[in-house]
Amino acid sequence: MTSPADELRAAAETLRALATAASTDPQGRPTAHWDVRYRPGVLPGAPAQRDGSCALIATDSPTAVRLLHGGSIGTRGGQPSISPDHGRYAAAMDPTVGLALADLLTAVADNPDDPGVREGNARHVGCAPATCPAAAALAVARAINREQP
């Protein structure tokens, strides 16, 4: 049986690998910080733009590497696309967030003050993720690991 700590560490390892891989493009240029940019003449506005063309870019690259182009469903042989809402979410969850979250999962797994996480006992059963940091971290780990609680 896998302990909660093992689940947390597995998720942290997966997240670290994905975030590290997404931190550079195939040419080795940095791509760890993401943002959404709109084509010239399209403004995000208030409320937020939801139907105009946008691109997910790496802001730490000197050439603003385009990670995804969006605003349409795309065409055969066309550029990958992403909606503005999905692009903003992806930008908010860039590799720097993934690496920080991996560190947090590891810290919860290695917490010496919480033997329930390390030993896998039922201490956190019934503990709501909204009020219990260990249960919240475990819910995140299970989502990353694609497991059901």
C-alpha atoms as a PDB file:
ATOM      1  CA  MET A   1       0.000   0.000   0.000  1.00  0.00           C
ATOM      2  CA  THR A   2       1.285   3.420  -0.936  1.00  0.00           C
ATOM      3  CA  SER A   3       1.558   5.885   1.924  1.00  0.00           C
ATOM      4  CA  PRO A   4       0.326   9.471   1.613  1.00  0.00           C
ATOM      5  CA  ALA A   5       3.962  10.614   1.796  1.00  0.00           C
ATOM      6  CA  ASP A   6       4.807   8.371  -1.165  1.00  0.00           C
ATOM      7  CA  GLU A   7       1.889   9.854  -3.120  1.00  0.00           C
ATOM      8  CA  LEU A   8       3.081  13.378  -2.300  1.00  0.00           C
ATOM      9  CA  ARG A   9       6.660  12.601  -3.344  1.00  0.00           C
ATOM     10  CA  ALA A  10       5.526  10.952  -6.599  1.00  0.00           C
ATOM     11  CA  ALA A  11       3.443  14.006  -7.489  1.00  0.00           C
ATOM     12  CA  ALA A  12       6.318  16.349  -6.605  1.00  0.00           C
ATOM     13  CA  GLU A  13       8.680  14.330  -8.809  1.00  0.00           C
ATOM     14  CA  THR A  14       6.216  14.394 -11.725  1.00  0.00           C
ATOM     15  CA  LEU A  15       5.605  18.114 -11.332  1.00  0.00           C
ATOM     16  CA  ARG A  16       9.332  18.898 -11.088  1.00  0.00           C
ATOM     17  CA  ALA A  17      10.044  16.923 -14.267  1.00  0.00           C
ATOM     18  CA  LEU A  18       7.226  18.626 -16.194  1.00  0.00           C
ATOM     19  CA  ALA A  19       8.117  22.117 -14.949  1.00  0.00           C
ATOM     20  CA  THR A  20      11.813  21.626 -15.668  1.00  0.00           C
ATOM     21  CA  ALA A  21      11.056  20.409 -19.194  1.00  0.00           C
ATOM     22  CA  ALA A  22       8.765  23.405 -19.785  1.00  0.00           C
ATOM     23  CA  SER A  23      11.407  25.851 -18.530  1.00  0.00           C
ATOM     24  CA  THR A  24      13.255  25.878 -21.865  1.00  0.00           C
ATOM     25  CA  ASP A  25      12.213  25.499 -25.488  1.00  0.00           C
ATOM     26  CA  PRO A  26      13.816  23.009 -27.926  1.00  0.00           C
ATOM     27  CA  GLN A  27      16.526  25.579 -28.731  1.00  0.00           C
ATOM     28  CA  GLY A  28      17.412  25.961 -25.038  1.00  0.00           C
ATOM     29  CA  ARG A  29      15.884  29.426 -24.641  1.00  0.00           C
ATOM     30  CA  PRO A  30      14.319  30.120 -21.213  1.00  0.00           C
ATOM     31  CA  THR A  31      10.543  29.723 -21.078  1.00  0.00           C
ATOM     32  CA  ALA A  32       9.764  29.507 -17.353  1.00  0.00           C
ATOM     33  CA  HIS A  33       7.627  32.675 -17.026  1.00  0.00           C
ATOM     34  CA  TRP A  34       4.462  32.799 -19.109  1.00  0.00           C
ATOM     35  CA  ASP A  35       1.930  35.456 -20.069  1.00  0.00           C
ATOM     36  CA  VAL A  36      -0.877  35.994 -22.568  1.00  0.00           C
ATOM     37  CA  ARG A  37      -0.330  38.524 -25.338  1.00  0.00           C
ATOM     38  CA  TYR A  38      -3.015  39.698 -27.725  1.00  0.00           C
ATOM     39  CA  ARG A  39      -2.500  40.459 -31.400  1.00  0.00           C
ATOM     40  CA  PRO A  40      -2.039  44.143 -32.200  1.00  0.00           C
ATOM     41  CA  GLY A  41      -5.321  46.017 -31.946  1.00  0.00           C
ATOM     42  CA  VAL A  42      -6.954  43.516 -29.574  1.00  0.00           C
ATOM     43  CA  LEU A  43      -7.030  44.694 -25.985  1.00  0.00           C
ATOM     44  CA  PRO A  44      -7.733  42.512 -22.944  1.00  0.00           C
ATOM     45  CA  GLY A  45     -10.230  45.103 -21.710  1.00  0.00           C
ATOM     46  CA  ALA A  46     -12.722  44.846 -18.903  1.00  0.00           C
ATOM     47  CA  PRO A  47     -14.351  42.405 -18.846  1.00  0.00           C
ATOM     48  CA  ALA A  48     -11.464  40.232 -19.928  1.00  0.00           C
ATOM     49  CA  GLN A  49     -11.199  39.459 -23.643  1.00  0.00           C
ATOM     50  CA  ARG A  50     -12.636  36.004 -24.303  1.00  0.00           C
ATOM     51  CA  ASP A  51     -12.875  35.697 -28.066  1.00  0.00           C
ATOM     52  CA  GLY A  52      -9.966  37.546 -29.661  1.00  0.00           C
ATOM     53  CA  SER A  53      -6.714  36.097 -30.865  1.00  0.00           C
ATOM     54  CA  CYS A  54      -4.025  35.659 -28.251  1.00  0.00           C
ATOM     55  CA  ALA A  55      -0.745  33.856 -27.779  1.00  0.00           C
ATOM     56  CA  LEU A  56       0.771  32.198 -24.738  1.00  0.00           C
ATOM     57  CA  ILE A  57       4.349  33.466 -24.608  1.00  0.00           C
ATOM     58  CA  ALA A  58       7.449  33.019 -22.483  1.00  0.00           C
ATOM     59  CA  THR A  59       8.229  36.439 -21.035  1.00  0.00           C
ATOM     60  CA  ASP A  60      11.729  35.524 -19.866  1.00  0.00           C
ATOM     61  CA  SER A  61      12.922  34.762 -23.375  1.00  0.00           C
ATOM     62  CA  PRO A  62      14.551  37.718 -25.143  1.00  0.00           C
ATOM     63  CA  THR A  63      12.419  36.975 -28.203  1.00  0.00           C
ATOM     64  CA  ALA A  64       9.135  36.329 -26.296  1.00  0.00           C
ATOM     65  CA  VAL A  65       8.899  32.733 -27.498  1.00  0.00           C
ATOM     66  CA  ARG A  66       5.334  31.883 -28.525  1.00  0.00           C
ATOM     67  CA  LEU A  67       4.324  28.713 -26.719  1.00  0.00           C
ATOM     68  CA  LEU A  68       0.791  28.532 -28.139  1.00  0.00           C
ATOM     69  CA  HIS A  69      -1.200  30.700 -30.485  1.00  0.00           C
ATOM     70  CA  GLY A  70      -4.889  31.024 -29.830  1.00  0.00           C
ATOM     71  CA  GLY A  71      -8.251  32.568 -30.311  1.00  0.00           C
ATOM     72  CA  SER A  72      -9.549  29.995 -32.785  1.00  0.00           C
ATOM     73  CA  ILE A  73      -9.960  26.272 -33.161  1.00  0.00           C
ATOM     74  CA  GLY A  74      -7.122  26.222 -35.652  1.00  0.00           C
ATOM     75  CA  THR A  75      -6.952  24.412 -38.967  1.00  0.00           C
ATOM     76  CA  ARG A  76      -5.280  21.299 -40.279  1.00  0.00           C
ATOM     77  CA  GLY A  77      -1.582  22.014 -40.354  1.00  0.00           C
ATOM     78  CA  GLY A  78      -2.131  25.279 -38.494  1.00  0.00           C
ATOM     79  CA  GLN A  79      -0.606  26.480 -35.264  1.00  0.00           C
ATOM     80  CA  PRO A  80      -1.752  24.955 -31.958  1.00  0.00           C
ATOM     81  CA  SER A  81      -4.450  27.108 -30.428  1.00  0.00           C
ATOM     82  CA  ILE A  82      -5.663  28.062 -26.982  1.00  0.00           C
ATOM     83  CA  SER A  83      -8.580  30.163 -25.806  1.00  0.00           C
ATOM     84  CA  PRO A  84      -7.815  33.370 -23.902  1.00  0.00           C
ATOM     85  CA  ASP A  85      -9.311  31.935 -20.681  1.00  0.00           C
ATOM     86  CA  HIS A  86      -7.196  28.795 -20.930  1.00  0.00           C
ATOM     87  CA  GLY A  87      -4.158  30.854 -21.897  1.00  0.00           C
ATOM     88  CA  ARG A  88      -4.460  33.088 -18.835  1.00  0.00           C
ATOM     89  CA  TYR A  89      -4.818  30.031 -16.609  1.00  0.00           C
ATOM     90  CA  ALA A  90      -1.796  28.333 -18.195  1.00  0.00           C
ATOM     91  CA  ALA A  91       0.190  31.556 -17.793  1.00  0.00           C
ATOM     92  CA  ALA A  92      -0.735  31.723 -14.101  1.00  0.00           C
ATOM     93  CA  MET A  93       0.459  28.122 -13.641  1.00  0.00           C
ATOM     94  CA  ASP A  94       3.825  28.492 -15.377  1.00  0.00           C
ATOM     95  CA  PRO A  95       6.864  26.304 -14.533  1.00  0.00           C
ATOM     96  CA  THR A  96       7.918  28.545 -11.635  1.00  0.00           C
ATOM     97  CA  VAL A  97       4.586  27.779  -9.945  1.00  0.00           C
ATOM     98  CA  GLY A  98       5.021  24.077 -10.679  1.00  0.00           C
ATOM     99  CA  LEU A  99       8.463  24.005  -9.082  1.00  0.00           C
ATOM    100  CA  ALA A 100       7.214  25.876  -6.003  1.00  0.00           C
ATOM    101  CA  LEU A 101       4.250  23.513  -5.679  1.00  0.00           C
ATOM    102  CA  ALA A 102       6.575  20.507  -5.983  1.00  0.00           C
ATOM    103  CA  ASP A 103       8.657  21.922  -3.118  1.00  0.00           C
ATOM    104  CA  LEU A 104       5.497  22.377  -1.041  1.00  0.00           C
ATOM    105  CA  LEU A 105       4.376  18.781  -1.652  1.00  0.00           C
ATOM    106  CA  THR A 106       7.821  17.515  -0.648  1.00  0.00           C
ATOM    107  CA  ALA A 107       7.765  19.655   2.509  1.00  0.00           C
ATOM    108  CA  VAL A 108       4.384  18.221   3.530  1.00  0.00           C
ATOM    109  CA  ALA A 109       5.601  14.680   2.806  1.00  0.00           C
ATOM    110  CA  ASP A 110       8.723  15.220   4.912  1.00  0.00           C
ATOM    111  CA  ASN A 111       7.013  17.051   7.799  1.00  0.00           C
ATOM    112  CA  PRO A 112       8.387  15.434  10.978  1.00  0.00           C
ATOM    113  CA  ASP A 113       5.443  16.800  12.986  1.00  0.00           C
ATOM    114  CA  ASP A 114       2.898  14.810  10.959  1.00  0.00           C
ATOM    115  CA  PRO A 115       3.549  11.069  11.239  1.00  0.00           C
ATOM    116  CA  GLY A 116       0.106  10.402   9.732  1.00  0.00           C
ATOM    117  CA  VAL A 117       1.341  11.555   6.334  1.00  0.00           C
ATOM    118  CA  ARG A 118       4.545   9.519   6.496  1.00  0.00           C
ATOM    119  CA  GLU A 119       3.057   6.343   7.916  1.00  0.00           C
ATOM    120  CA  GLY A 120      -0.178   6.341   5.964  1.00  0.00           C
ATOM    121  CA  ASN A 121      -2.510   5.880   8.905  1.00  0.00           C
ATOM    122  CA  ALA A 122      -6.094   7.131   8.942  1.00  0.00           C
ATOM    123  CA  ARG A 123      -5.283  10.328  10.814  1.00  0.00           C
ATOM    124  CA  HIS A 124      -6.339  12.534   7.900  1.00  0.00           C
ATOM    125  CA  VAL A 125      -9.452  10.563   6.985  1.00  0.00           C
ATOM    126  CA  GLY A 126     -12.341  12.973   7.311  1.00  0.00           C
ATOM    127  CA  CYS A 127     -10.011  15.957   7.419  1.00  0.00           C
ATOM    128  CA  ALA A 128     -11.322  18.444   4.843  1.00  0.00           C
ATOM    129  CA  PRO A 129      -8.822  19.843   2.305  1.00  0.00           C
ATOM    130  CA  ALA A 130     -10.229  23.315   3.012  1.00  0.00           C
ATOM    131  CA  THR A 131      -9.140  23.150   6.662  1.00  0.00           C
ATOM    132  CA  CYS A 132      -6.250  20.682   6.738  1.00  0.00           C
ATOM    133  CA  PRO A 133      -3.001  21.453   4.886  1.00  0.00           C
ATOM    134  CA  ALA A 134      -1.969  17.787   4.695  1.00  0.00           C
ATOM    135  CA  ALA A 135      -5.330  16.774   3.211  1.00  0.00           C
ATOM    136  CA  ALA A 136      -5.170  19.663   0.740  1.00  0.00           C
ATOM    137  CA  ALA A 137      -1.652  18.685  -0.348  1.00  0.00           C
ATOM    138  CA  LEU A 138      -2.733  15.065  -0.717  1.00  0.00           C
ATOM    139  CA  ALA A 139      -5.700  16.126  -2.886  1.00  0.00           C
ATOM    140  CA  VAL A 140      -3.289  18.062  -5.130  1.00  0.00           C
ATOM    141  CA  ALA A 141      -0.909  15.093  -5.300  1.00  0.00           C
ATOM    142  CA  ARG A 142      -3.713  12.718  -6.232  1.00  0.00           C
ATOM    143  CA  ALA A 143      -4.891  15.066  -8.968  1.00  0.00           C
ATOM    144  CA  ILE A 144      -1.351  15.222 -10.378  1.00  0.00           C
ATOM    145  CA  ASN A 145      -0.994  11.447 -10.075  1.00  0.00           C
ATOM    146  CA  ARG A 146      -4.463  11.048 -11.648  1.00  0.00           C
ATOM    147  CA  GLU A 147      -5.702   9.045  -8.679  1.00  0.00           C
ATOM    148  CA  GLN A 148      -9.010   9.171  -6.870  1.00  0.00           C
ATOM    149  CA  PRO A 149      -8.988   9.950  -3.133  1.00  0.00           C
END
